């Protein structure tokens, strides 16, 4: 039963490593964030089955809603950046700071 807890934790760590290594493109960052949220949902559901509480299952639904909102906002930002800069590269966004 410990393997069901180790696999989501390792995949969350790999997604964080993916964000650190691939911070040049917005799409890879969004995919890693989505992976982290989905792994948190799976981890939360496993913990709710072990502890037999409904509060953690409700929290999983909240995380799923948050994940859908994050994906829609991320795709909208990706569309705007691609339309304005003709790529999904994040480095031209430093020009917007000044």
PDB file of N, CA and C in Angstrom:
ATOM      1  N   UNK A   1       0.815  -1.197   0.000  1.00  0.00           N
ATOM      2  CA  UNK A   1       0.000   0.000   0.000  1.00  0.00           C
ATOM      3  C   UNK A   1       0.862   1.266   0.000  1.00  0.00           C
ATOM      4  N   UNK A   2       2.080   1.151   0.429  1.00  0.00           N
ATOM      5  CA  UNK A   2       2.967   2.315   0.440  1.00  0.00           C
ATOM      6  C   UNK A   2       3.308   2.747  -0.985  1.00  0.00           C
ATOM      7  N   UNK A   3       3.310   1.787  -1.924  1.00  0.00           N
ATOM      8  CA  UNK A   3       3.648   2.127  -3.300  1.00  0.00           C
ATOM      9  C   UNK A   3       2.619   3.094  -3.895  1.00  0.00           C
ATOM     10  N   UNK A   4       1.366   3.014  -3.434  1.00  0.00           N
ATOM     11  CA  UNK A   4       0.338   3.938  -3.914  1.00  0.00           C
ATOM     12  C   UNK A   4       0.581   5.364  -3.436  1.00  0.00           C
ATOM     13  N   UNK A   5       1.338   5.520  -2.381  1.00  0.00           N
ATOM     14  CA  UNK A   5       1.694   6.853  -1.898  1.00  0.00           C
ATOM     15  C   UNK A   5       3.012   7.342  -2.486  1.00  0.00           C
ATOM     16  N   UNK A   6       3.904   6.420  -2.804  1.00  0.00           N
ATOM     17  CA  UNK A   6       5.221   6.814  -3.313  1.00  0.00           C
ATOM     18  C   UNK A   6       5.135   7.283  -4.762  1.00  0.00           C
ATOM     19  N   UNK A   7       4.317   6.621  -5.582  1.00  0.00           N
ATOM     20  CA  UNK A   7       4.243   6.959  -7.007  1.00  0.00           C
ATOM     21  C   UNK A   7       3.739   8.391  -7.238  1.00  0.00           C
ATOM     22  N   UNK A   8       2.639   8.848  -6.612  1.00  0.00           N
ATOM     23  CA  UNK A   8       2.246  10.251  -6.829  1.00  0.00           C
ATOM     24  C   UNK A   8       3.258  11.262  -6.285  1.00  0.00           C
ATOM     25  N   UNK A   9       3.904  10.933  -5.176  1.00  0.00           N
ATOM     26  CA  UNK A   9       4.891  11.861  -4.622  1.00  0.00           C
ATOM     27  C   UNK A   9       6.096  11.981  -5.551  1.00  0.00           C
ATOM     28  N   UNK A  10       6.547  10.860  -6.105  1.00  0.00           N
ATOM     29  CA  UNK A  10       7.660  10.908  -7.049  1.00  0.00           C
ATOM     30  C   UNK A  10       7.286  11.647  -8.330  1.00  0.00           C
ATOM     31  N   UNK A  11       6.064  11.457  -8.801  1.00  0.00           N
ATOM     32  CA  UNK A  11       5.670  12.153 -10.023  1.00  0.00           C
ATOM     33  C   UNK A  11       5.500  13.655  -9.780  1.00  0.00           C
ATOM     34  N   UNK A  12       5.120  14.050  -8.570  1.00  0.00           N
ATOM     35  CA  UNK A  12       5.085  15.481  -8.232  1.00  0.00           C
ATOM     36  C   UNK A  12       6.497  16.056  -8.231  1.00  0.00           C
ATOM     37  N   UNK A  13       7.441  15.309  -7.688  1.00  0.00           N
ATOM     38  CA  UNK A  13       8.828  15.774  -7.681  1.00  0.00           C
ATOM     39  C   UNK A  13       9.386  15.867  -9.095  1.00  0.00           C
ATOM     40  N   UNK A  14       9.042  14.912  -9.967  1.00  0.00           N
ATOM     41  CA  UNK A  14       9.497  14.973 -11.358  1.00  0.00           C
ATOM     42  C   UNK A  14       8.871  16.148 -12.091  1.00  0.00           C
ATOM     43  N   UNK A  15       7.625  16.475 -11.775  1.00  0.00           N
ATOM     44  CA  UNK A  15       6.986  17.634 -12.407  1.00  0.00           C
ATOM     45  C   UNK A  15       7.642  18.928 -11.937  1.00  0.00           C
ATOM     46  N   UNK A  16       7.989  19.006 -10.668  1.00  0.00           N
ATOM     47  CA  UNK A  16       8.721  20.182 -10.178  1.00  0.00           C
ATOM     48  C   UNK A  16      10.089  20.296 -10.835  1.00  0.00           C
ATOM     49  N   UNK A  17      10.755  19.171 -11.029  1.00  0.00           N
ATOM     50  CA  UNK A  17      12.023  19.170 -11.740  1.00  0.00           C
ATOM     51  C   UNK A  17      11.832  19.604 -13.197  1.00  0.00           C
ATOM     52  N   UNK A  18      10.717  19.209 -13.801  1.00  0.00           N
ATOM     53  CA  UNK A  18      10.415  19.634 -15.167  1.00  0.00           C
ATOM     54  C   UNK A  18      10.197  21.134 -15.257  1.00  0.00           C
ATOM     55  N   UNK A  19       9.572  21.720 -14.248  1.00  0.00           N
ATOM     56  CA  UNK A  19       9.383  23.173 -14.236  1.00  0.00           C
ATOM     57  C   UNK A  19      10.731  23.873 -14.115  1.00  0.00           C
ATOM     58  N   UNK A  20      11.600  23.348 -13.267  1.00  0.00           N
ATOM     59  CA  UNK A  20      12.906  23.971 -13.073  1.00  0.00           C
ATOM     60  C   UNK A  20      13.755  23.879 -14.333  1.00  0.00           C
ATOM     61  N   UNK A  21      13.725  22.732 -15.008  1.00  0.00           N
ATOM     62  CA  UNK A  21      14.579  22.536 -16.171  1.00  0.00           C
ATOM     63  C   UNK A  21      14.010  23.142 -17.452  1.00  0.00           C
ATOM     64  N   UNK A  22      12.692  23.210 -17.592  1.00  0.00           N
ATOM     65  CA  UNK A  22      12.069  23.669 -18.835  1.00  0.00           C
ATOM     66  C   UNK A  22      11.298  24.961 -18.617  1.00  0.00           C
ATOM     67  N   UNK A  23      11.938  25.949 -18.061  1.00  0.00           N
ATOM     68  CA  UNK A  23      11.220  27.196 -17.807  1.00  0.00           C
ATOM     69  C   UNK A  23      11.322  28.188 -18.950  1.00  0.00           C
ATOM     70  N   UNK A  24      11.678  27.707 -20.131  1.00  0.00           N
ATOM     71  CA  UNK A  24      11.782  28.587 -21.279  1.00  0.00           C
ATOM     72  C   UNK A  24      10.447  28.698 -22.021  1.00  0.00           C
ATOM     73  N   UNK A  25       9.672  27.633 -22.037  1.00  0.00           N
ATOM     74  CA  UNK A  25       8.419  27.613 -22.789  1.00  0.00           C
ATOM     75  C   UNK A  25       7.222  27.527 -21.849  1.00  0.00           C
ATOM     76  N   UNK A  26       6.192  28.284 -22.177  1.00  0.00           N
ATOM     77  CA  UNK A  26       5.003  28.350 -21.327  1.00  0.00           C
ATOM     78  C   UNK A  26       4.220  27.048 -21.340  1.00  0.00           C
ATOM     79  N   UNK A  27       4.153  26.386 -22.477  1.00  0.00           N
ATOM     80  CA  UNK A  27       3.361  25.168 -22.573  1.00  0.00           C
ATOM     81  C   UNK A  27       3.921  24.063 -21.686  1.00  0.00           C
ATOM     82  N   UNK A  28       5.233  23.920 -21.610  1.00  0.00           N
ATOM     83  CA  UNK A  28       5.819  22.887 -20.748  1.00  0.00           C
ATOM     84  C   UNK A  28       5.579  23.204 -19.275  1.00  0.00           C
ATOM     85  N   UNK A  29       5.592  24.484 -18.920  1.00  0.00           N
ATOM     86  CA  UNK A  29       5.304  24.865 -17.530  1.00  0.00           C
ATOM     87  C   UNK A  29       3.851  24.544 -17.182  1.00  0.00           C
ATOM     88  N   UNK A  30       2.937  24.839 -18.095  1.00  0.00           N
ATOM     89  CA  UNK A  30       1.527  24.552 -17.844  1.00  0.00           C
ATOM     90  C   UNK A  30       1.262  23.056 -17.717  1.00  0.00           C
ATOM     91  N   UNK A  31       1.923  22.257 -18.534  1.00  0.00           N
ATOM     92  CA  UNK A  31       1.745  20.804 -18.447  1.00  0.00           C
ATOM     93  C   UNK A  31       2.277  20.274 -17.126  1.00  0.00           C
ATOM     94  N   UNK A  32       3.402  20.796 -16.662  1.00  0.00           N
ATOM     95  CA  UNK A  32       3.954  20.357 -15.377  1.00  0.00           C
ATOM     96  C   UNK A  32       3.052  20.766 -14.208  1.00  0.00           C
ATOM     97  N   UNK A  33       2.498  21.963 -14.266  1.00  0.00           N
ATOM     98  CA  UNK A  33       1.581  22.402 -13.203  1.00  0.00           C
ATOM     99  C   UNK A  33       0.318  21.553 -13.203  1.00  0.00           C
ATOM    100  N   UNK A  34      -0.176  21.230 -14.383  1.00  0.00           N
ATOM    101  CA  UNK A  34      -1.363  20.366 -14.474  1.00  0.00           C
ATOM    102  C   UNK A  34      -1.059  18.975 -13.929  1.00  0.00           C
ATOM    103  N   UNK A  35       0.129  18.474 -14.209  1.00  0.00           N
ATOM    104  CA  UNK A  35       0.532  17.171 -13.680  1.00  0.00           C
ATOM    105  C   UNK A  35       0.624  17.190 -12.154  1.00  0.00           C
ATOM    106  N   UNK A  36       1.135  18.271 -11.602  1.00  0.00           N
ATOM    107  CA  UNK A  36       1.220  18.389 -10.141  1.00  0.00           C
ATOM    108  C   UNK A  36      -0.179  18.374  -9.527  1.00  0.00           C
ATOM    109  N   UNK A  37      -1.096  19.133 -10.100  1.00  0.00           N
ATOM    110  CA  UNK A  37      -2.448  19.174  -9.539  1.00  0.00           C
ATOM    111  C   UNK A  37      -3.162  17.830  -9.661  1.00  0.00           C
ATOM    112  N   UNK A  38      -3.008  17.151 -10.786  1.00  0.00           N
ATOM    113  CA  UNK A  38      -3.650  15.847 -10.930  1.00  0.00           C
ATOM    114  C   UNK A  38      -3.046  14.807  -9.995  1.00  0.00           C
ATOM    115  N   UNK A  39      -1.746  14.874  -9.769  1.00  0.00           N
ATOM    116  CA  UNK A  39      -1.125  13.955  -8.812  1.00  0.00           C
ATOM    117  C   UNK A  39      -1.537  14.267  -7.382  1.00  0.00           C
ATOM    118  N   UNK A  40      -1.756  15.534  -7.075  1.00  0.00           N
ATOM    119  CA  UNK A  40      -2.281  15.874  -5.745  1.00  0.00           C
ATOM    120  C   UNK A  40      -3.689  15.332  -5.541  1.00  0.00           C
ATOM    121  N   UNK A  41      -4.491  15.340  -6.599  1.00  0.00           N
ATOM    122  CA  UNK A  41      -5.836  14.774  -6.505  1.00  0.00           C
ATOM    123  C   UNK A  41      -5.768  13.275  -6.246  1.00  0.00           C
ATOM    124  N   UNK A  42      -4.905  12.577  -6.983  1.00  0.00           N
ATOM    125  CA  UNK A  42      -4.757  11.129  -6.801  1.00  0.00           C
ATOM    126  C   UNK A  42      -4.239  10.822  -5.401  1.00  0.00           C
ATOM    127  N   UNK A  43      -3.259  11.560  -4.953  1.00  0.00           N
ATOM    128  CA  UNK A  43      -2.717  11.355  -3.606  1.00  0.00           C
ATOM    129  C   UNK A  43      -3.769  11.617  -2.546  1.00  0.00           C
ATOM    130  N   UNK A  44      -4.562  12.641  -2.733  1.00  0.00           N
ATOM    131  CA  UNK A  44      -5.619  12.964  -1.777  1.00  0.00           C
ATOM    132  C   UNK A  44      -6.696  11.888  -1.757  1.00  0.00           C
ATOM    133  N   UNK A  45      -7.037  11.334  -2.912  1.00  0.00           N
ATOM    134  CA  UNK A  45      -8.031  10.257  -2.942  1.00  0.00           C
ATOM    135  C   UNK A  45      -7.515   8.987  -2.274  1.00  0.00           C
ATOM    136  N   UNK A  46      -6.236   8.660  -2.478  1.00  0.00           N
ATOM    137  CA  UNK A  46      -5.665   7.509  -1.785  1.00  0.00           C
ATOM    138  C   UNK A  46      -5.686   7.711  -0.278  1.00  0.00           C
ATOM    139  N   UNK A  47      -5.348   8.906   0.163  1.00  0.00           N
ATOM    140  CA  UNK A  47      -5.377   9.173   1.606  1.00  0.00           C
ATOM    141  C   UNK A  47      -6.796   9.133   2.161  1.00  0.00           C
ATOM    142  N   UNK A  48      -7.772   9.548   1.358  1.00  0.00           N
ATOM    143  CA  UNK A  48      -9.149   9.499   1.842  1.00  0.00           C
ATOM    144  C   UNK A  48      -9.650   8.061   1.954  1.00  0.00           C
ATOM    145  N   UNK A  49      -9.170   7.179   1.084  1.00  0.00           N
ATOM    146  CA  UNK A  49      -9.575   5.779   1.204  1.00  0.00           C
ATOM    147  C   UNK A  49      -8.923   5.103   2.401  1.00  0.00           C
ATOM    148  N   UNK A  50      -7.716   5.528   2.749  1.00  0.00           N
ATOM    149  CA  UNK A  50      -7.054   4.956   3.912  1.00  0.00           C
ATOM    150  C   UNK A  50      -7.648   5.463   5.214  1.00  0.00           C
ATOM    151  N   UNK A  51      -8.052   6.726   5.261  1.00  0.00           N
ATOM    152  CA  UNK A  51      -8.574   7.287   6.508  1.00  0.00           C
ATOM    153  C   UNK A  51     -10.091   7.267   6.580  1.00  0.00           C
ATOM    154  N   UNK A  52     -10.776   6.975   5.511  1.00  0.00           N
ATOM    155  CA  UNK A  52     -12.230   6.891   5.411  1.00  0.00           C
ATOM    156  C   UNK A  52     -12.894   8.178   5.911  1.00  0.00           C
ATOM    157  N   UNK A  53     -12.536   9.289   5.317  1.00  0.00           N
ATOM    158  CA  UNK A  53     -13.173  10.565   5.619  1.00  0.00           C
ATOM    159  C   UNK A  53     -13.698  11.185   4.331  1.00  0.00           C
ATOM    160  N   UNK A  54     -14.762  11.947   4.449  1.00  0.00           N
ATOM    161  CA  UNK A  54     -15.350  12.594   3.283  1.00  0.00           C
ATOM    162  C   UNK A  54     -14.759  13.975   3.030  1.00  0.00           C
ATOM    163  N   UNK A  55     -14.112  14.548   4.038  1.00  0.00           N
ATOM    164  CA  UNK A  55     -13.554  15.891   3.871  1.00  0.00           C
ATOM    165  C   UNK A  55     -12.456  15.902   2.810  1.00  0.00           C
ATOM    166  N   UNK A  56     -11.647  14.861   2.796  1.00  0.00           N
ATOM    167  CA  UNK A  56     -10.569  14.825   1.807  1.00  0.00           C
ATOM    168  C   UNK A  56     -11.113  14.582   0.403  1.00  0.00           C
ATOM    169  N   UNK A  57     -12.231  13.862   0.285  1.00  0.00           N
ATOM    170  CA  UNK A  57     -12.833  13.677  -1.038  1.00  0.00           C
ATOM    171  C   UNK A  57     -13.423  14.987  -1.545  1.00  0.00           C
ATOM    172  N   UNK A  58     -14.003  15.780  -0.665  1.00  0.00           N
ATOM    173  CA  UNK A  58     -14.493  17.094  -1.058  1.00  0.00           C
ATOM    174  C   UNK A  58     -13.343  18.005  -1.478  1.00  0.00           C
ATOM    175  N   UNK A  59     -12.227  17.886  -0.796  1.00  0.00           N
ATOM    176  CA  UNK A  59     -11.057  18.671  -1.161  1.00  0.00           C
ATOM    177  C   UNK A  59     -10.529  18.256  -2.531  1.00  0.00           C
ATOM    178  N   UNK A  60     -10.664  16.974  -2.877  1.00  0.00           N
ATOM    179  CA  UNK A  60     -10.254  16.508  -4.203  1.00  0.00           C
ATOM    180  C   UNK A  60     -11.115  17.138  -5.286  1.00  0.00           C
ATOM    181  N   UNK A  61     -12.398  17.293  -5.038  1.00  0.00           N
ATOM    182  CA  UNK A  61     -13.261  17.970  -6.009  1.00  0.00           C
ATOM    183  C   UNK A  61     -12.888  19.439  -6.140  1.00  0.00           C
ATOM    184  N   UNK A  62     -12.510  20.063  -5.039  1.00  0.00           N
ATOM    185  CA  UNK A  62     -12.052  21.451  -5.087  1.00  0.00           C
ATOM    186  C   UNK A  62     -10.769  21.561  -5.913  1.00  0.00           C
ATOM    187  N   UNK A  63      -9.841  20.634  -5.723  1.00  0.00           N
ATOM    188  CA  UNK A  63      -8.606  20.642  -6.499  1.00  0.00           C
ATOM    189  C   UNK A  63      -8.871  20.397  -7.978  1.00  0.00           C
ATOM    190  N   UNK A  64      -9.831  19.548  -8.291  1.00  0.00           N
ATOM    191  CA  UNK A  64     -10.174  19.289  -9.689  1.00  0.00           C
ATOM    192  C   UNK A  64     -10.756  20.532 -10.345  1.00  0.00           C
ATOM    193  N   UNK A  65     -11.576  21.267  -9.614  1.00  0.00           N
ATOM    194  CA  UNK A  65     -12.117  22.527 -10.131  1.00  0.00           C
ATOM    195  C   UNK A  65     -11.007  23.550 -10.337  1.00  0.00           C
ATOM    196  N   UNK A  66     -10.099  23.643  -9.378  1.00  0.00           N
ATOM    197  CA  UNK A  66      -8.969  24.552  -9.495  1.00  0.00           C
ATOM    198  C   UNK A  66      -8.088  24.187 -10.683  1.00  0.00           C
ATOM    199  N   UNK A  67      -7.929  22.906 -10.931  1.00  0.00           N
ATOM    200  CA  UNK A  67      -7.126  22.447 -12.060  1.00  0.00           C
ATOM    201  C   UNK A  67      -7.771  22.825 -13.392  1.00  0.00           C
ATOM    202  N   UNK A  68      -9.087  22.721 -13.482  1.00  0.00           N
ATOM    203  CA  UNK A  68      -9.777  23.102 -14.719  1.00  0.00           C
ATOM    204  C   UNK A  68      -9.683  24.606 -14.959  1.00  0.00           C
ATOM    205  N   UNK A  69      -9.799  25.396 -13.911  1.00  0.00           N
ATOM    206  CA  UNK A  69      -9.683  26.852 -14.045  1.00  0.00           C
ATOM    207  C   UNK A  69      -8.271  27.228 -14.463  1.00  0.00           C
ATOM    208  N   UNK A  70      -7.284  26.590 -13.858  1.00  0.00           N
ATOM    209  CA  UNK A  70      -5.892  26.873 -14.201  1.00  0.00           C
ATOM    210  C   UNK A  70      -5.592  26.514 -15.647  1.00  0.00           C
ATOM    211  N   UNK A  71      -6.151  25.411 -16.115  1.00  0.00           N
ATOM    212  CA  UNK A  71      -5.919  25.007 -17.507  1.00  0.00           C
ATOM    213  C   UNK A  71      -6.550  25.990 -18.481  1.00  0.00           C
ATOM    214  N   UNK A  72      -7.749  26.463 -18.191  1.00  0.00           N
ATOM    215  CA  UNK A  72      -8.406  27.395 -19.114  1.00  0.00           C
ATOM    216  C   UNK A  72      -7.691  28.747 -19.148  1.00  0.00           C
ATOM    217  N   UNK A  73      -7.261  29.234 -17.996  1.00  0.00           N
ATOM    218  CA  UNK A  73      -6.513  30.495 -17.970  1.00  0.00           C
ATOM    219  C   UNK A  73      -5.161  30.330 -18.653  1.00  0.00           C
ATOM    220  N   UNK A  74      -4.521  29.203 -18.459  1.00  0.00           N
ATOM    221  CA  UNK A  74      -3.233  28.953 -19.090  1.00  0.00           C
ATOM    222  C   UNK A  74      -3.328  28.865 -20.606  1.00  0.00           C
ATOM    223  N   UNK A  75      -4.367  28.215 -21.100  1.00  0.00           N
ATOM    224  CA  UNK A  75      -4.539  28.138 -22.554  1.00  0.00           C
ATOM    225  C   UNK A  75      -4.868  29.510 -23.127  1.00  0.00           C
ATOM    226  N   UNK A  76      -5.622  30.314 -22.412  1.00  0.00           N
ATOM    227  CA  UNK A  76      -5.917  31.670 -22.880  1.00  0.00           C
ATOM    228  C   UNK A  76      -4.644  32.516 -22.927  1.00  0.00           C
ATOM    229  N   UNK A  77      -3.809  32.423 -21.900  1.00  0.00           N
ATOM    230  CA  UNK A  77      -2.541  33.154 -21.905  1.00  0.00           C
ATOM    231  C   UNK A  77      -1.610  32.661 -23.009  1.00  0.00           C
ATOM    232  N   UNK A  78      -1.583  31.362 -23.195  1.00  0.00           N
ATOM    233  CA  UNK A  78      -0.738  30.802 -24.252  1.00  0.00           C
ATOM    234  C   UNK A  78      -1.197  31.276 -25.623  1.00  0.00           C
ATOM    235  N   UNK A  79      -2.494  31.368 -25.836  1.00  0.00           N
ATOM    236  CA  UNK A  79      -3.026  31.849 -27.109  1.00  0.00           C
ATOM    237  C   UNK A  79      -2.652  33.312 -27.334  1.00  0.00           C
ATOM    238  N   UNK A  80      -2.796  34.132 -26.300  1.00  0.00           N
ATOM    239  CA  UNK A  80      -2.449  35.547 -26.443  1.00  0.00           C
ATOM    240  C   UNK A  80      -0.957  35.760 -26.685  1.00  0.00           C
ATOM    241  N   UNK A  81      -0.128  35.020 -25.978  1.00  0.00           N
ATOM    242  CA  UNK A  81       1.320  35.165 -26.159  1.00  0.00           C
ATOM    243  C   UNK A  81       1.731  34.686 -27.545  1.00  0.00           C
ATOM    244  N   UNK A  82       1.164  33.572 -27.997  1.00  0.00           N
ATOM    245  CA  UNK A  82       1.504  33.067 -29.324  1.00  0.00           C
ATOM    246  C   UNK A  82       1.027  34.016 -30.412  1.00  0.00           C
ATOM    247  N   UNK A  83      -0.128  34.609 -30.225  1.00  0.00           N
ATOM    248  CA  UNK A  83      -0.641  35.546 -31.217  1.00  0.00           C
ATOM    249  C   UNK A  83       0.206  36.819 -31.288  1.00  0.00           C
ATOM    250  N   UNK A  84       0.663  37.320 -30.151  1.00  0.00           N
ATOM    251  CA  UNK A  84       1.409  38.578 -30.136  1.00  0.00           C
ATOM    252  C   UNK A  84       2.892  38.417 -30.471  1.00  0.00           C
ATOM    253  N   UNK A  85       3.504  37.301 -30.047  1.00  0.00           N
ATOM    254  CA  UNK A  85       4.943  37.131 -30.217  1.00  0.00           C
ATOM    255  C   UNK A  85       5.318  36.037 -31.207  1.00  0.00           C
ATOM    256  N   UNK A  86       4.360  35.336 -31.785  1.00  0.00           N
ATOM    257  CA  UNK A  86       4.561  34.261 -32.765  1.00  0.00           C
ATOM    258  C   UNK A  86       5.372  33.084 -32.227  1.00  0.00           C
ATOM    259  N   UNK A  87       5.435  32.908 -30.932  1.00  0.00           N
ATOM    260  CA  UNK A  87       6.033  31.723 -30.308  1.00  0.00           C
ATOM    261  C   UNK A  87       5.549  31.660 -28.866  1.00  0.00           C
ATOM    262  N   UNK A  88       5.742  30.500 -28.250  1.00  0.00           N
ATOM    263  CA  UNK A  88       5.356  30.389 -26.840  1.00  0.00           C
ATOM    264  C   UNK A  88       6.573  30.496 -25.927  1.00  0.00           C
ATOM    265  N   UNK A  89       7.594  31.164 -26.400  1.00  0.00           N
ATOM    266  CA  UNK A  89       8.807  31.401 -25.624  1.00  0.00           C
ATOM    267  C   UNK A  89       8.537  32.489 -24.585  1.00  0.00           C
ATOM    268  N   UNK A  90       9.021  32.305 -23.371  1.00  0.00           N
ATOM    269  CA  UNK A  90       8.736  33.242 -22.286  1.00  0.00           C
ATOM    270  C   UNK A  90       9.741  34.391 -22.243  1.00  0.00           C
ATOM    271  N   UNK A  91      10.908  34.230 -22.827  1.00  0.00           N
ATOM    272  CA  UNK A  91      11.931  35.278 -22.727  1.00  0.00           C
ATOM    273  C   UNK A  91      11.519  36.617 -23.314  1.00  0.00           C
ATOM    274  N   UNK A  92      10.700  36.721 -24.384  1.00  0.00           N
ATOM    275  CA  UNK A  92      10.272  38.064 -24.830  1.00  0.00           C
ATOM    276  C   UNK A  92       9.356  38.768 -23.834  1.00  0.00           C
ATOM    277  N   UNK A  93       8.826  38.046 -22.869  1.00  0.00           N
ATOM    278  CA  UNK A  93       7.928  38.671 -21.895  1.00  0.00           C
ATOM    279  C   UNK A  93       8.681  39.609 -20.960  1.00  0.00           C
ATOM    280  N   UNK A  94       9.987  39.498 -20.873  1.00  0.00           N
ATOM    281  CA  UNK A  94      10.767  40.436 -20.063  1.00  0.00           C
ATOM    282  C   UNK A  94      10.693  41.838 -20.627  1.00  0.00           C
ATOM    283  N   UNK A  95      10.369  41.975 -21.904  1.00  0.00           N
ATOM    284  CA  UNK A  95      10.216  43.297 -22.504  1.00  0.00           C
ATOM    285  C   UNK A  95       8.992  44.030 -21.970  1.00  0.00           C
ATOM    286  N   UNK A  96       8.020  43.258 -21.477  1.00  0.00           N
ATOM    287  CA  UNK A  96       6.791  43.868 -20.979  1.00  0.00           C
ATOM    288  C   UNK A  96       6.972  44.501 -19.597  1.00  0.00           C
ATOM    289  N   UNK A  97       8.027  44.169 -18.887  1.00  0.00           N
ATOM    290  CA  UNK A  97       8.236  44.699 -17.540  1.00  0.00           C
ATOM    291  C   UNK A  97       8.557  46.181 -17.552  1.00  0.00           C
ATOM    292  N   UNK A  98       9.272  46.674 -18.542  1.00  0.00           N
ATOM    293  CA  UNK A  98       9.681  48.076 -18.537  1.00  0.00           C
ATOM    294  C   UNK A  98       8.643  48.987 -19.125  1.00  0.00           C
TER     295      UNK A  98
END
